[in-house]
């Protein structure tokens, strides 16, 4: 696993992507924000945590990529995904229920 960190960037259409610390695009700006705050217009991408990032594509499906842009969980594999502060884990929703998903099986 690379030790690179990703920085979220937004393009003119409001989509988000990620660049590495040298400014090189790793994940193109084609993803929707997944974090929304209350009834305001504030929406943000998920932060890169422990070398992974949760994304939402234009059709609303969630996926996970690593810091080199490799897809670990493909779009639509789970109903929803959310970042977790536990290393190598994400929150995943399936059949309306949430649980902690260990990414070790996908590495």
PDB file of N, CA and C in Angstrom:
ATOM      1  N   UNK A   1       0.854  -1.184   0.000  1.00  0.00           N
ATOM      2  CA  UNK A   1       0.000   0.000   0.000  1.00  0.00           C
ATOM      3  C   UNK A   1       0.887   1.230   0.000  1.00  0.00           C
ATOM      4  N   UNK A   2       0.572   2.180  -0.841  1.00  0.00           N
ATOM      5  CA  UNK A   2       1.302   3.436  -0.912  1.00  0.00           C
ATOM      6  C   UNK A   2       1.078   4.260   0.349  1.00  0.00           C
ATOM      7  N   UNK A   3       2.059   5.083   0.685  1.00  0.00           N
ATOM      8  CA  UNK A   3       1.899   5.969   1.838  1.00  0.00           C
ATOM      9  C   UNK A   3       1.405   7.342   1.410  1.00  0.00           C
ATOM     10  N   UNK A   4       1.045   7.498   0.131  1.00  0.00           N
ATOM     11  CA  UNK A   4       0.533   8.775  -0.356  1.00  0.00           C
ATOM     12  C   UNK A   4      -0.752   9.136   0.372  1.00  0.00           C
ATOM     13  N   UNK A   5      -1.000  10.423   0.443  1.00  0.00           N
ATOM     14  CA  UNK A   5      -2.258  10.939   0.986  1.00  0.00           C
ATOM     15  C   UNK A   5      -3.011  11.598  -0.158  1.00  0.00           C
ATOM     16  N   UNK A   6      -4.320  11.563  -0.086  1.00  0.00           N
ATOM     17  CA  UNK A   6      -5.143  12.181  -1.120  1.00  0.00           C
ATOM     18  C   UNK A   6      -5.761  13.472  -0.609  1.00  0.00           C
ATOM     19  N   UNK A   7      -5.892  14.412  -1.519  1.00  0.00           N
ATOM     20  CA  UNK A   7      -6.493  15.708  -1.233  1.00  0.00           C
ATOM     21  C   UNK A   7      -7.704  15.858  -2.145  1.00  0.00           C
ATOM     22  N   UNK A   8      -8.872  16.124  -1.572  1.00  0.00           N
ATOM     23  CA  UNK A   8     -10.092  16.288  -2.357  1.00  0.00           C
ATOM     24  C   UNK A   8     -10.046  17.609  -3.117  1.00  0.00           C
ATOM     25  N   UNK A   9     -10.462  17.565  -4.378  1.00  0.00           N
ATOM     26  CA  UNK A   9     -10.553  18.764  -5.211  1.00  0.00           C
ATOM     27  C   UNK A   9     -11.904  18.752  -5.924  1.00  0.00           C
ATOM     28  N   UNK A  10     -12.421  19.950  -6.165  1.00  0.00           N
ATOM     29  CA  UNK A  10     -13.719  20.077  -6.815  1.00  0.00           C
ATOM     30  C   UNK A  10     -13.545  20.791  -8.136  1.00  0.00           C
ATOM     31  N   UNK A  11     -14.251  20.315  -9.182  1.00  0.00           N
ATOM     32  CA  UNK A  11     -14.181  21.001 -10.469  1.00  0.00           C
ATOM     33  C   UNK A  11     -15.324  22.000 -10.583  1.00  0.00           C
ATOM     34  N   UNK A  12     -15.419  22.668 -11.703  1.00  0.00           N
ATOM     35  CA  UNK A  12     -16.421  23.707 -11.916  1.00  0.00           C
ATOM     36  C   UNK A  12     -17.851  23.214 -11.953  1.00  0.00           C
ATOM     37  N   UNK A  13     -18.067  21.918 -12.149  1.00  0.00           N
ATOM     38  CA  UNK A  13     -19.428  21.378 -12.205  1.00  0.00           C
ATOM     39  C   UNK A  13     -19.901  20.890 -10.843  1.00  0.00           C
ATOM     40  N   UNK A  14     -19.047  20.998  -9.819  1.00  0.00           N
ATOM     41  CA  UNK A  14     -19.419  20.572  -8.481  1.00  0.00           C
ATOM     42  C   UNK A  14     -19.044  19.141  -8.155  1.00  0.00           C
ATOM     43  N   UNK A  15     -18.444  18.436  -9.106  1.00  0.00           N
ATOM     44  CA  UNK A  15     -18.004  17.074  -8.849  1.00  0.00           C
ATOM     45  C   UNK A  15     -16.661  17.078  -8.133  1.00  0.00           C
ATOM     46  N   UNK A  16     -16.391  15.976  -7.426  1.00  0.00           N
ATOM     47  CA  UNK A  16     -15.171  15.858  -6.633  1.00  0.00           C
ATOM     48  C   UNK A  16     -14.279  14.754  -7.154  1.00  0.00           C
ATOM     49  N   UNK A  17     -12.984  14.945  -6.941  1.00  0.00           N
ATOM     50  CA  UNK A  17     -11.967  13.946  -7.240  1.00  0.00           C
ATOM     51  C   UNK A  17     -10.854  14.126  -6.237  1.00  0.00           C
ATOM     52  N   UNK A  18      -9.737  13.448  -6.448  1.00  0.00           N
ATOM     53  CA  UNK A  18      -8.631  13.495  -5.495  1.00  0.00           C
ATOM     54  C   UNK A  18      -7.301  13.575  -6.231  1.00  0.00           C
ATOM     55  N   UNK A  19      -6.403  14.375  -5.676  1.00  0.00           N
ATOM     56  CA  UNK A  19      -5.031  14.460  -6.169  1.00  0.00           C
ATOM     57  C   UNK A  19      -4.110  13.987  -5.058  1.00  0.00           C
ATOM     58  N   UNK A  20      -2.899  13.565  -5.457  1.00  0.00           N
ATOM     59  CA  UNK A  20      -1.935  13.180  -4.425  1.00  0.00           C
ATOM     60  C   UNK A  20      -1.174  14.414  -3.963  1.00  0.00           C
ATOM     61  N   UNK A  21      -0.203  14.218  -3.091  1.00  0.00           N
ATOM     62  CA  UNK A  21       0.511  15.349  -2.484  1.00  0.00           C
ATOM     63  C   UNK A  21       1.328  16.153  -3.490  1.00  0.00           C
ATOM     64  N   UNK A  22       1.609  15.585  -4.669  1.00  0.00           N
ATOM     65  CA  UNK A  22       2.344  16.320  -5.699  1.00  0.00           C
ATOM     66  C   UNK A  22       1.406  17.015  -6.680  1.00  0.00           C
ATOM     67  N   UNK A  23       0.078  16.869  -6.476  1.00  0.00           N
ATOM     68  CA  UNK A  23      -0.905  17.516  -7.343  1.00  0.00           C
ATOM     69  C   UNK A  23      -1.344  16.674  -8.519  1.00  0.00           C
ATOM     70  N   UNK A  24      -0.847  15.447  -8.622  1.00  0.00           N
ATOM     71  CA  UNK A  24      -1.230  14.553  -9.702  1.00  0.00           C
ATOM     72  C   UNK A  24      -2.622  13.982  -9.450  1.00  0.00           C
ATOM     73  N   UNK A  25      -3.479  14.044 -10.465  1.00  0.00           N
ATOM     74  CA  UNK A  25      -4.827  13.507 -10.327  1.00  0.00           C
ATOM     75  C   UNK A  25      -4.761  11.983 -10.197  1.00  0.00           C
ATOM     76  N   UNK A  26      -5.344  11.477  -9.121  1.00  0.00           N
ATOM     77  CA  UNK A  26      -5.387  10.035  -8.872  1.00  0.00           C
ATOM     78  C   UNK A  26      -6.790   9.498  -9.131  1.00  0.00           C
ATOM     79  N   UNK A  27      -7.785  10.242  -8.680  1.00  0.00           N
ATOM     80  CA  UNK A  27      -9.194   9.890  -8.888  1.00  0.00           C
ATOM     81  C   UNK A  27      -9.843  11.086  -9.576  1.00  0.00           C
ATOM     82  N   UNK A  28     -10.342  10.918 -10.812  1.00  0.00           N
ATOM     83  CA  UNK A  28     -10.888  12.045 -11.570  1.00  0.00           C
ATOM     84  C   UNK A  28     -12.079  12.712 -10.891  1.00  0.00           C
ATOM     85  N   UNK A  29     -12.297  13.972 -11.204  1.00  0.00           N
ATOM     86  CA  UNK A  29     -13.412  14.750 -10.642  1.00  0.00           C
ATOM     87  C   UNK A  29     -14.717  14.356 -11.323  1.00  0.00           C
ATOM     88  N   UNK A  30     -15.225  13.191 -10.932  1.00  0.00           N
ATOM     89  CA  UNK A  30     -16.489  12.711 -11.505  1.00  0.00           C
ATOM     90  C   UNK A  30     -17.407  12.120 -10.445  1.00  0.00           C
ATOM     91  N   UNK A  31     -17.160  12.468  -9.178  1.00  0.00           N
ATOM     92  CA  UNK A  31     -17.924  11.886  -8.088  1.00  0.00           C
ATOM     93  C   UNK A  31     -18.710  12.941  -7.320  1.00  0.00           C
ATOM     94  N   UNK A  32     -19.852  12.513  -6.781  1.00  0.00           N
ATOM     95  CA  UNK A  32     -20.737  13.394  -6.015  1.00  0.00           C
ATOM     96  C   UNK A  32     -20.274  13.465  -4.561  1.00  0.00           C
ATOM     97  N   UNK A  33     -20.605  14.561  -3.878  1.00  0.00           N
ATOM     98  CA  UNK A  33     -20.302  14.631  -2.446  1.00  0.00           C
ATOM     99  C   UNK A  33     -21.166  13.638  -1.677  1.00  0.00           C
ATOM    100  N   UNK A  34     -20.621  13.091  -0.572  1.00  0.00           N
ATOM    101  CA  UNK A  34     -21.419  12.139   0.201  1.00  0.00           C
ATOM    102  C   UNK A  34     -21.754  12.645   1.591  1.00  0.00           C
ATOM    103  N   UNK A  35     -21.120  13.724   2.008  1.00  0.00           N
ATOM    104  CA  UNK A  35     -21.380  14.274   3.341  1.00  0.00           C
ATOM    105  C   UNK A  35     -22.208  15.539   3.193  1.00  0.00           C
ATOM    106  N   UNK A  36     -23.383  15.552   3.809  1.00  0.00           N
ATOM    107  CA  UNK A  36     -24.295  16.695   3.721  1.00  0.00           C
ATOM    108  C   UNK A  36     -24.624  17.157   5.134  1.00  0.00           C
ATOM    109  N   UNK A  37     -24.655  18.450   5.324  1.00  0.00           N
ATOM    110  CA  UNK A  37     -24.874  18.994   6.661  1.00  0.00           C
ATOM    111  C   UNK A  37     -26.242  19.646   6.779  1.00  0.00           C
ATOM    112  N   UNK A  38     -27.125  18.966   7.517  1.00  0.00           N
ATOM    113  CA  UNK A  38     -28.449  19.507   7.809  1.00  0.00           C
ATOM    114  C   UNK A  38     -29.216  19.910   6.572  1.00  0.00           C
ATOM    115  N   UNK A  39     -29.918  21.013   6.687  1.00  0.00           N
ATOM    116  CA  UNK A  39     -30.742  21.514   5.584  1.00  0.00           C
ATOM    117  C   UNK A  39     -30.024  22.614   4.822  1.00  0.00           C
ATOM    118  N   UNK A  40     -28.700  22.647   4.935  1.00  0.00           N
ATOM    119  CA  UNK A  40     -27.939  23.680   4.246  1.00  0.00           C
ATOM    120  C   UNK A  40     -27.481  23.184   2.891  1.00  0.00           C
ATOM    121  N   UNK A  41     -26.840  24.048   2.159  1.00  0.00           N
ATOM    122  CA  UNK A  41     -26.301  23.707   0.852  1.00  0.00           C
ATOM    123  C   UNK A  41     -24.889  23.120   0.960  1.00  0.00           C
ATOM    124  N   UNK A  42     -24.404  22.847   2.165  1.00  0.00           N
ATOM    125  CA  UNK A  42     -23.042  22.371   2.343  1.00  0.00           C
ATOM    126  C   UNK A  42     -22.939  20.879   2.094  1.00  0.00           C
ATOM    127  N   UNK A  43     -22.128  20.501   1.137  1.00  0.00           N
ATOM    128  CA  UNK A  43     -21.887  19.101   0.805  1.00  0.00           C
ATOM    129  C   UNK A  43     -20.410  18.923   0.540  1.00  0.00           C
ATOM    130  N   UNK A  44     -19.866  17.801   1.009  1.00  0.00           N
ATOM    131  CA  UNK A  44     -18.432  17.563   0.907  1.00  0.00           C
ATOM    132  C   UNK A  44     -18.149  16.123   0.502  1.00  0.00           C
ATOM    133  N   UNK A  45     -16.955  15.891  -0.036  1.00  0.00           N
ATOM    134  CA  UNK A  45     -16.557  14.504  -0.308  1.00  0.00           C
ATOM    135  C   UNK A  45     -16.120  13.842   0.989  1.00  0.00           C
ATOM    136  N   UNK A  46     -16.017  12.536   0.967  1.00  0.00           N
ATOM    137  CA  UNK A  46     -15.493  11.821   2.131  1.00  0.00           C
ATOM    138  C   UNK A  46     -13.988  12.059   2.210  1.00  0.00           C
ATOM    139  N   UNK A  47     -13.448  12.157   3.405  1.00  0.00           N
ATOM    140  CA  UNK A  47     -11.997  12.298   3.529  1.00  0.00           C
ATOM    141  C   UNK A  47     -11.307  10.973   3.240  1.00  0.00           C
ATOM    142  N   UNK A  48     -10.062  11.051   2.818  1.00  0.00           N
ATOM    143  CA  UNK A  48      -9.251   9.842   2.673  1.00  0.00           C
ATOM    144  C   UNK A  48      -8.814   9.442   4.071  1.00  0.00           C
ATOM    145  N   UNK A  49      -9.135   8.230   4.469  1.00  0.00           N
ATOM    146  CA  UNK A  49      -8.757   7.716   5.785  1.00  0.00           C
ATOM    147  C   UNK A  49      -8.024   6.397   5.608  1.00  0.00           C
ATOM    148  N   UNK A  50      -6.860   6.287   6.199  1.00  0.00           N
ATOM    149  CA  UNK A  50      -6.086   5.038   6.201  1.00  0.00           C
ATOM    150  C   UNK A  50      -5.794   4.523   4.800  1.00  0.00           C
ATOM    151  N   UNK A  51      -5.716   5.429   3.821  1.00  0.00           N
ATOM    152  CA  UNK A  51      -5.362   5.023   2.460  1.00  0.00           C
ATOM    153  C   UNK A  51      -6.532   4.668   1.563  1.00  0.00           C
ATOM    154  N   UNK A  52      -7.761   4.969   2.000  1.00  0.00           N
ATOM    155  CA  UNK A  52      -8.955   4.634   1.220  1.00  0.00           C
ATOM    156  C   UNK A  52      -9.934   5.805   1.231  1.00  0.00           C
ATOM    157  N   UNK A  53     -10.807   5.832   0.224  1.00  0.00           N
ATOM    158  CA  UNK A  53     -11.823   6.875   0.162  1.00  0.00           C
ATOM    159  C   UNK A  53     -13.131   6.282  -0.361  1.00  0.00           C
ATOM    160  N   UNK A  54     -14.247   6.699   0.253  1.00  0.00           N
ATOM    161  CA  UNK A  54     -15.585   6.306  -0.202  1.00  0.00           C
ATOM    162  C   UNK A  54     -16.033   7.333  -1.232  1.00  0.00           C
ATOM    163  N   UNK A  55     -16.574   6.852  -2.344  1.00  0.00           N
ATOM    164  CA  UNK A  55     -17.036   7.726  -3.421  1.00  0.00           C
ATOM    165  C   UNK A  55     -18.483   7.397  -3.754  1.00  0.00           C
ATOM    166  N   UNK A  56     -19.154   8.367  -4.369  1.00  0.00           N
ATOM    167  CA  UNK A  56     -20.509   8.138  -4.881  1.00  0.00           C
ATOM    168  C   UNK A  56     -20.511   8.587  -6.333  1.00  0.00           C
ATOM    169  N   UNK A  57     -20.853   7.664  -7.241  1.00  0.00           N
ATOM    170  CA  UNK A  57     -20.833   8.020  -8.656  1.00  0.00           C
ATOM    171  C   UNK A  57     -22.087   8.810  -9.041  1.00  0.00           C
ATOM    172  N   UNK A  58     -22.154   9.214 -10.294  1.00  0.00           N
ATOM    173  CA  UNK A  58     -23.258  10.057 -10.770  1.00  0.00           C
ATOM    174  C   UNK A  58     -24.620   9.369 -10.664  1.00  0.00           C
ATOM    175  N   UNK A  59     -24.637   8.038 -10.669  1.00  0.00           N
ATOM    176  CA  UNK A  59     -25.916   7.327 -10.557  1.00  0.00           C
ATOM    177  C   UNK A  59     -26.320   7.103  -9.098  1.00  0.00           C
ATOM    178  N   UNK A  60     -25.465   7.574  -8.148  1.00  0.00           N
ATOM    179  CA  UNK A  60     -25.784   7.455  -6.731  1.00  0.00           C
ATOM    180  C   UNK A  60     -25.251   6.196  -6.073  1.00  0.00           C
ATOM    181  N   UNK A  61     -24.492   5.390  -6.805  1.00  0.00           N
ATOM    182  CA  UNK A  61     -23.942   4.164  -6.235  1.00  0.00           C
ATOM    183  C   UNK A  61     -22.597   4.457  -5.557  1.00  0.00           C
ATOM    184  N   UNK A  62     -22.341   3.746  -4.469  1.00  0.00           N
ATOM    185  CA  UNK A  62     -21.133   3.945  -3.671  1.00  0.00           C
ATOM    186  C   UNK A  62     -20.057   2.938  -4.040  1.00  0.00           C
ATOM    187  N   UNK A  63     -18.792   3.358  -3.912  1.00  0.00           N
ATOM    188  CA  UNK A  63     -17.645   2.509  -4.169  1.00  0.00           C
ATOM    189  C   UNK A  63     -16.481   2.964  -3.303  1.00  0.00           C
ATOM    190  N   UNK A  64     -15.419   2.156  -3.241  1.00  0.00           N
ATOM    191  CA  UNK A  64     -14.223   2.503  -2.477  1.00  0.00           C
ATOM    192  C   UNK A  64     -13.005   2.337  -3.373  1.00  0.00           C
ATOM    193  N   UNK A  65     -12.127   3.359  -3.328  1.00  0.00           N
ATOM    194  CA  UNK A  65     -10.850   3.302  -4.045  1.00  0.00           C
ATOM    195  C   UNK A  65      -9.724   3.540  -3.051  1.00  0.00           C
ATOM    196  N   UNK A  66      -8.532   3.105  -3.446  1.00  0.00           N
ATOM    197  CA  UNK A  66      -7.368   3.361  -2.593  1.00  0.00           C
ATOM    198  C   UNK A  66      -6.604   4.577  -3.104  1.00  0.00           C
ATOM    199  N   UNK A  67      -5.462   4.898  -2.481  1.00  0.00           N
ATOM    200  CA  UNK A  67      -4.730   6.131  -2.799  1.00  0.00           C
ATOM    201  C   UNK A  67      -4.016   6.098  -4.143  1.00  0.00           C
ATOM    202  N   UNK A  68      -4.018   4.975  -4.831  1.00  0.00           N
ATOM    203  CA  UNK A  68      -3.466   4.935  -6.181  1.00  0.00           C
ATOM    204  C   UNK A  68      -4.570   4.823  -7.229  1.00  0.00           C
ATOM    205  N   UNK A  69      -5.847   4.891  -6.780  1.00  0.00           N
ATOM    206  CA  UNK A  69      -6.981   4.882  -7.689  1.00  0.00           C
ATOM    207  C   UNK A  69      -7.547   3.509  -7.995  1.00  0.00           C
ATOM    208  N   UNK A  70      -7.043   2.464  -7.350  1.00  0.00           N
ATOM    209  CA  UNK A  70      -7.545   1.109  -7.567  1.00  0.00           C
ATOM    210  C   UNK A  70      -8.894   0.937  -6.867  1.00  0.00           C
ATOM    211  N   UNK A  71      -9.879   0.403  -7.589  1.00  0.00           N
ATOM    212  CA  UNK A  71     -11.199   0.143  -7.020  1.00  0.00           C
ATOM    213  C   UNK A  71     -11.142  -1.118  -6.167  1.00  0.00           C
ATOM    214  N   UNK A  72     -11.520  -0.981  -4.897  1.00  0.00           N
ATOM    215  CA  UNK A  72     -11.554  -2.123  -3.982  1.00  0.00           C
ATOM    216  C   UNK A  72     -12.963  -2.667  -3.812  1.00  0.00           C
ATOM    217  N   UNK A  73     -13.941  -1.776  -3.761  1.00  0.00           N
ATOM    218  CA  UNK A  73     -15.349  -2.174  -3.711  1.00  0.00           C
ATOM    219  C   UNK A  73     -16.024  -1.478  -4.885  1.00  0.00           C
ATOM    220  N   UNK A  74     -16.563  -2.260  -5.797  1.00  0.00           N
ATOM    221  CA  UNK A  74     -17.129  -1.690  -7.017  1.00  0.00           C
ATOM    222  C   UNK A  74     -18.480  -1.006  -6.747  1.00  0.00           C
ATOM    223  N   UNK A  75     -18.838  -0.101  -7.620  1.00  0.00           N
ATOM    224  CA  UNK A  75     -20.094   0.650  -7.501  1.00  0.00           C
ATOM    225  C   UNK A  75     -21.278  -0.304  -7.471  1.00  0.00           C
ATOM    226  N   UNK A  76     -22.169  -0.094  -6.496  1.00  0.00           N
ATOM    227  CA  UNK A  76     -23.381  -0.873  -6.397  1.00  0.00           C
ATOM    228  C   UNK A  76     -23.244  -2.172  -5.632  1.00  0.00           C
ATOM    229  N   UNK A  77     -22.048  -2.512  -5.186  1.00  0.00           N
ATOM    230  CA  UNK A  77     -21.865  -3.751  -4.433  1.00  0.00           C
ATOM    231  C   UNK A  77     -22.598  -3.691  -3.091  1.00  0.00           C
ATOM    232  N   UNK A  78     -22.705  -2.480  -2.515  1.00  0.00           N
ATOM    233  CA  UNK A  78     -23.451  -2.252  -1.278  1.00  0.00           C
ATOM    234  C   UNK A  78     -24.402  -1.084  -1.513  1.00  0.00           C
ATOM    235  N   UNK A  79     -25.504  -1.043  -0.767  1.00  0.00           N
ATOM    236  CA  UNK A  79     -26.478   0.035  -0.925  1.00  0.00           C
ATOM    237  C   UNK A  79     -25.857   1.385  -0.628  1.00  0.00           C
ATOM    238  N   UNK A  80     -25.137   1.477   0.492  1.00  0.00           N
ATOM    239  CA  UNK A  80     -24.450   2.708   0.879  1.00  0.00           C
ATOM    240  C   UNK A  80     -23.152   2.335   1.582  1.00  0.00           C
ATOM    241  N   UNK A  81     -22.198   3.238   1.526  1.00  0.00           N
ATOM    242  CA  UNK A  81     -20.935   3.093   2.239  1.00  0.00           C
ATOM    243  C   UNK A  81     -20.619   4.414   2.917  1.00  0.00           C
ATOM    244  N   UNK A  82     -19.925   4.351   4.034  1.00  0.00           N
ATOM    245  CA  UNK A  82     -19.509   5.564   4.750  1.00  0.00           C
ATOM    246  C   UNK A  82     -18.156   5.290   5.402  1.00  0.00           C
ATOM    247  N   UNK A  83     -17.332   6.338   5.532  1.00  0.00           N
ATOM    248  CA  UNK A  83     -16.027   6.144   6.163  1.00  0.00           C
ATOM    249  C   UNK A  83     -16.151   5.769   7.637  1.00  0.00           C
ATOM    250  N   UNK A  84     -15.134   5.103   8.129  1.00  0.00           N
ATOM    251  CA  UNK A  84     -15.060   4.718   9.538  1.00  0.00           C
ATOM    252  C   UNK A  84     -13.707   5.146  10.078  1.00  0.00           C
ATOM    253  N   UNK A  85     -13.650   5.452  11.355  1.00  0.00           N
ATOM    254  CA  UNK A  85     -12.376   5.807  11.976  1.00  0.00           C
ATOM    255  C   UNK A  85     -11.584   4.583  12.407  1.00  0.00           C
ATOM    256  N   UNK A  86     -12.143   3.417  12.195  1.00  0.00           N
ATOM    257  CA  UNK A  86     -11.415   2.184  12.486  1.00  0.00           C
ATOM    258  C   UNK A  86     -10.623   1.789  11.241  1.00  0.00           C
ATOM    259  N   UNK A  87      -9.341   1.562  11.388  1.00  0.00           N
ATOM    260  CA  UNK A  87      -8.456   1.288  10.257  1.00  0.00           C
ATOM    261  C   UNK A  87      -8.941   0.101   9.438  1.00  0.00           C
ATOM    262  N   UNK A  88      -8.892   0.265   8.108  1.00  0.00           N
ATOM    263  CA  UNK A  88      -9.284  -0.749   7.128  1.00  0.00           C
ATOM    264  C   UNK A  88     -10.764  -1.141   7.197  1.00  0.00           C
ATOM    265  N   UNK A  89     -11.605  -0.304   7.785  1.00  0.00           N
ATOM    266  CA  UNK A  89     -13.039  -0.612   7.884  1.00  0.00           C
ATOM    267  C   UNK A  89     -13.884   0.526   7.317  1.00  0.00           C
ATOM    268  N   UNK A  90     -15.046   0.160   6.827  1.00  0.00           N
ATOM    269  CA  UNK A  90     -16.045   1.115   6.358  1.00  0.00           C
ATOM    270  C   UNK A  90     -17.396   0.664   6.853  1.00  0.00           C
ATOM    271  N   UNK A  91     -18.292   1.624   7.025  1.00  0.00           N
ATOM    272  CA  UNK A  91     -19.680   1.302   7.303  1.00  0.00           C
ATOM    273  C   UNK A  91     -20.318   0.934   5.981  1.00  0.00           C
ATOM    274  N   UNK A  92     -21.090  -0.136   5.979  1.00  0.00           N
ATOM    275  CA  UNK A  92     -21.755  -0.587   4.766  1.00  0.00           C
ATOM    276  C   UNK A  92     -23.217  -0.894   5.072  1.00  0.00           C
ATOM    277  N   UNK A  93     -24.091  -0.502   4.150  1.00  0.00           N
ATOM    278  CA  UNK A  93     -25.512  -0.805   4.295  1.00  0.00           C
ATOM    279  C   UNK A  93     -25.896  -1.844   3.247  1.00  0.00           C
ATOM    280  N   UNK A  94     -26.573  -2.893   3.709  1.00  0.00           N
ATOM    281  CA  UNK A  94     -27.077  -3.942   2.830  1.00  0.00           C
ATOM    282  C   UNK A  94     -28.424  -4.398   3.381  1.00  0.00           C
ATOM    283  N   UNK A  95     -29.413  -4.495   2.532  1.00  0.00           N
ATOM    284  CA  UNK A  95     -30.778  -4.863   2.926  1.00  0.00           C
ATOM    285  C   UNK A  95     -31.300  -3.946   4.029  1.00  0.00           C
ATOM    286  N   UNK A  96     -30.918  -2.669   3.951  1.00  0.00           N
ATOM    287  CA  UNK A  96     -31.387  -1.667   4.897  1.00  0.00           C
ATOM    288  C   UNK A  96     -30.687  -1.660   6.239  1.00  0.00           C
ATOM    289  N   UNK A  97     -29.750  -2.582   6.456  1.00  0.00           N
ATOM    290  CA  UNK A  97     -29.062  -2.671   7.748  1.00  0.00           C
ATOM    291  C   UNK A  97     -27.599  -2.271   7.592  1.00  0.00           C
ATOM    292  N   UNK A  98     -27.068  -1.589   8.626  1.00  0.00           N
ATOM    293  CA  UNK A  98     -25.687  -1.120   8.623  1.00  0.00           C
ATOM    294  C   UNK A  98     -24.794  -2.050   9.438  1.00  0.00           C
ATOM    295  N   UNK A  99     -23.572  -2.194   8.966  1.00  0.00           N
ATOM    296  CA  UNK A  99     -22.571  -2.957   9.703  1.00  0.00           C
ATOM    297  C   UNK A  99     -21.180  -2.479   9.315  1.00  0.00           C
ATOM    298  N   UNK A 100     -20.210  -2.872  10.093  1.00  0.00           N
ATOM    299  CA  UNK A 100     -18.826  -2.496   9.834  1.00  0.00           C
ATOM    300  C   UNK A 100     -18.205  -3.533   8.905  1.00  0.00           C
ATOM    301  N   UNK A 101     -17.669  -3.068   7.787  1.00  0.00           N
ATOM    302  CA  UNK A 101     -17.082  -3.934   6.778  1.00  0.00           C
ATOM    303  C   UNK A 101     -15.564  -3.855   6.871  1.00  0.00           C
ATOM    304  N   UNK A 102     -14.893  -4.974   7.030  1.00  0.00           N
ATOM    305  CA  UNK A 102     -13.438  -5.038   7.094  1.00  0.00           C
ATOM    306  C   UNK A 102     -12.894  -5.158   5.675  1.00  0.00           C
ATOM    307  N   UNK A 103     -12.089  -4.176   5.265  1.00  0.00           N
ATOM    308  CA  UNK A 103     -11.549  -4.174   3.911  1.00  0.00           C
ATOM    309  C   UNK A 103     -10.424  -5.173   3.701  1.00  0.00           C
ATOM    310  N   UNK A 104      -9.947  -5.823   4.737  1.00  0.00           N
ATOM    311  CA  UNK A 104      -8.838  -6.770   4.607  1.00  0.00           C
ATOM    312  C   UNK A 104      -9.143  -7.826   3.542  1.00  0.00           C
ATOM    313  N   UNK A 105     -10.391  -8.224   3.433  1.00  0.00           N
ATOM    314  CA  UNK A 105     -10.780  -9.225   2.449  1.00  0.00           C
ATOM    315  C   UNK A 105     -10.660  -8.718   1.006  1.00  0.00           C
ATOM    316  N   UNK A 106     -10.632  -7.381   0.831  1.00  0.00           N
ATOM    317  CA  UNK A 106     -10.576  -6.791  -0.504  1.00  0.00           C
ATOM    318  C   UNK A 106      -9.169  -6.383  -0.910  1.00  0.00           C
ATOM    319  N   UNK A 107      -8.222  -6.467   0.003  1.00  0.00           N
ATOM    320  CA  UNK A 107      -6.856  -6.023  -0.271  1.00  0.00           C
ATOM    321  C   UNK A 107      -6.033  -7.086  -0.947  1.00  0.00           C
TER     322      UNK A 107
END
